[in-house]
Amino acid sequence: MLNICNKLKLKFNKTYFIIFVFLLITEALIAIYLKTGFIRHTFGDFLIVILLYCFIKSFLNLKPIIAGISVLIIAFFIEFLQLTNLLKLLNLDGNDLAKLVLGSTFQTSDLIAYSLGIITVLCIEKICNKN
């Protein structure tokens, strides 16, 4: 465990943080103005894992594959939590913010969107690191 902690190096990355802020604003606009449809339900899930990836890479100097898999595990975990009545158990089923962050219904299409988002960001990383 100590070895893992020694390898995690905090280092602020302005580029990833700017992308994170841009994606956060985009996600907020989607949540506010689009209540249904492909962009809200699928493209938003695609973008959210990229947003989380950029947030992590803003502060931790991790290899892209490690950051990507970590984000994917978190996203899958939250999605599978939706199979339970977690919001009801936490008495948050009436809280719109909790529903937005944790979701309320499990969908396999969300898992696909998360996977495609991480694959996309890893491909972009590979192309950028090649140059």
Protein backbone atom coordinates (compact mmCIF):
# COMPACT_ATOMS: atom_id res chain seq x y z
CA MET A 1 0.00 0.00 0.00
CA LEU A 2 2.80 2.40 0.86
CA ASN A 3 4.38 1.68 -2.53
CA ILE A 4 1.17 2.76 -4.31
CA CYS A 5 1.00 5.98 -2.29
CA ASN A 6 4.61 6.80 -3.19
CA LYS A 7 3.78 6.48 -6.90
CA LEU A 8 0.81 8.86 -6.72
CA LYS A 9 2.28 12.24 -7.38
CA LEU A 10 0.22 15.37 -7.03
CA LYS A 11 0.92 17.69 -9.89
CA PHE A 12 -1.47 20.31 -11.22
CA ASN A 13 -2.02 20.09 -14.97
CA LYS A 14 -3.60 23.26 -16.35
CA THR A 15 -4.57 21.71 -19.72
CA TYR A 16 -6.57 18.86 -18.18
CA PHE A 17 -8.17 21.27 -15.73
CA ILE A 18 -9.31 23.62 -18.51
CA ILE A 19 -10.82 20.67 -20.39
CA PHE A 20 -12.48 19.53 -17.14
CA VAL A 21 -14.05 22.98 -16.59
CA PHE A 22 -15.25 23.13 -20.23
CA LEU A 23 -16.83 19.67 -19.93
CA LEU A 24 -18.38 20.57 -16.56
CA ILE A 25 -20.05 23.62 -18.10
CA THR A 26 -21.18 21.50 -21.07
CA GLU A 27 -22.66 18.85 -18.76
CA ALA A 28 -24.42 21.53 -16.71
CA LEU A 29 -25.95 23.05 -19.85
CA ILE A 30 -27.08 19.61 -21.01
CA ALA A 31 -28.67 18.95 -17.61
CA ILE A 32 -30.42 22.33 -17.52
CA TYR A 33 -31.66 22.62 -21.08
CA LEU A 34 -32.06 19.07 -22.38
CA LYS A 35 -34.46 16.90 -20.42
CA THR A 36 -34.73 13.99 -22.87
CA GLY A 37 -33.09 12.52 -25.93
CA PHE A 38 -29.79 11.12 -27.10
CA ILE A 39 -27.62 14.05 -26.01
CA ARG A 40 -29.01 14.03 -22.45
CA HIS A 41 -29.10 10.29 -21.87
CA THR A 42 -26.24 8.89 -23.95
CA PHE A 43 -23.85 11.63 -25.03
CA GLY A 44 -23.90 13.06 -21.49
CA ASP A 45 -22.77 9.68 -20.14
CA PHE A 46 -20.06 9.54 -22.81
CA LEU A 47 -18.81 12.98 -21.75
CA ILE A 48 -19.03 12.41 -18.00
CA VAL A 49 -16.28 9.79 -17.95
CA ILE A 50 -14.06 12.10 -20.00
CA LEU A 51 -14.83 14.87 -17.50
CA LEU A 52 -13.87 12.60 -14.57
CA TYR A 53 -10.73 11.46 -16.41
CA CYS A 54 -9.66 15.08 -16.95
CA PHE A 55 -10.41 15.92 -13.31
CA ILE A 56 -8.19 13.08 -12.09
CA LYS A 57 -5.44 13.95 -14.57
CA SER A 58 -5.64 17.60 -13.43
CA PHE A 59 -4.15 16.62 -10.08
CA LEU A 60 -2.56 13.18 -10.40
CA ASN A 61 0.25 12.27 -12.75
CA LEU A 62 -1.09 8.81 -13.66
CA LYS A 63 -0.57 6.81 -16.80
CA PRO A 64 -3.58 7.25 -19.08
CA ILE A 65 -4.57 3.57 -18.89
CA ILE A 66 -4.55 3.64 -15.07
CA ALA A 67 -6.64 6.83 -14.94
CA GLY A 68 -8.99 5.51 -17.62
CA ILE A 69 -9.59 2.15 -15.96
CA SER A 70 -10.06 3.85 -12.58
CA VAL A 71 -12.71 6.17 -13.99
CA LEU A 72 -14.42 3.28 -15.76
CA ILE A 73 -14.54 1.25 -12.54
CA ILE A 74 -16.08 4.22 -10.69
CA ALA A 75 -18.66 4.79 -13.44
CA PHE A 76 -19.59 1.10 -13.60
CA PHE A 77 -19.82 0.93 -9.80
CA ILE A 78 -22.22 3.88 -9.68
CA GLU A 79 -24.26 2.41 -12.54
CA PHE A 80 -24.54 -0.98 -10.82
CA LEU A 81 -25.55 0.79 -7.58
CA GLN A 82 -28.62 1.87 -9.52
CA LEU A 83 -29.79 -1.76 -9.44
CA THR A 84 -30.37 -1.21 -5.73
CA ASN A 85 -32.73 1.30 -4.18
CA LEU A 86 -29.74 3.33 -2.96
CA LEU A 87 -31.44 6.72 -3.30
CA LYS A 88 -34.44 5.44 -1.37
CA LEU A 89 -32.23 3.82 1.29
CA LEU A 90 -30.39 7.13 1.72
CA ASN A 91 -33.71 9.00 1.70
CA LEU A 92 -32.55 10.94 -1.38
CA ASP A 93 -35.15 9.72 -3.87
CA GLY A 94 -36.71 13.20 -3.95
CA ASN A 95 -33.38 15.00 -4.35
CA ASP A 96 -32.79 16.09 -7.97
CA LEU A 97 -29.04 16.63 -7.49
CA ALA A 98 -28.61 13.12 -6.02
CA LYS A 99 -30.58 11.68 -8.95
CA LEU A 100 -28.37 13.59 -11.37
CA VAL A 101 -25.09 12.50 -9.77
CA LEU A 102 -25.97 8.92 -8.84
CA GLY A 103 -28.65 8.26 -11.43
CA SER A 104 -31.84 6.42 -10.73
CA THR A 105 -32.16 3.64 -13.32
CA PHE A 106 -29.66 1.04 -14.47
CA GLN A 107 -29.13 0.90 -18.23
CA THR A 108 -26.66 -1.21 -20.17
CA SER A 109 -26.50 1.58 -22.76
CA ASP A 110 -24.87 3.73 -20.06
CA LEU A 111 -22.14 1.12 -19.61
CA ILE A 112 -21.52 1.21 -23.35
CA ALA A 113 -21.39 5.03 -23.34
CA TYR A 114 -18.90 5.01 -20.44
CA SER A 115 -16.73 2.44 -22.21
CA LEU A 116 -16.77 4.38 -25.48
CA GLY A 117 -15.89 7.59 -23.62
CA ILE A 118 -12.84 6.00 -22.02
CA ILE A 119 -11.78 4.33 -25.27
CA THR A 120 -12.04 7.72 -26.99
CA VAL A 121 -9.97 9.54 -24.38
CA LEU A 122 -7.31 6.78 -24.40
CA CYS A 123 -7.11 6.94 -28.21
CA ILE A 124 -6.72 10.73 -28.04
CA GLU A 125 -4.00 10.30 -25.39
CA LYS A 126 -2.18 7.79 -27.58
CA ILE A 127 -2.32 10.11 -30.60
CA CYS A 128 -1.19 13.15 -28.57
CA ASN A 129 1.64 11.26 -26.88
CA LYS A 130 2.88 9.99 -30.23
CA ASN A 131 3.60 13.55 -31.37
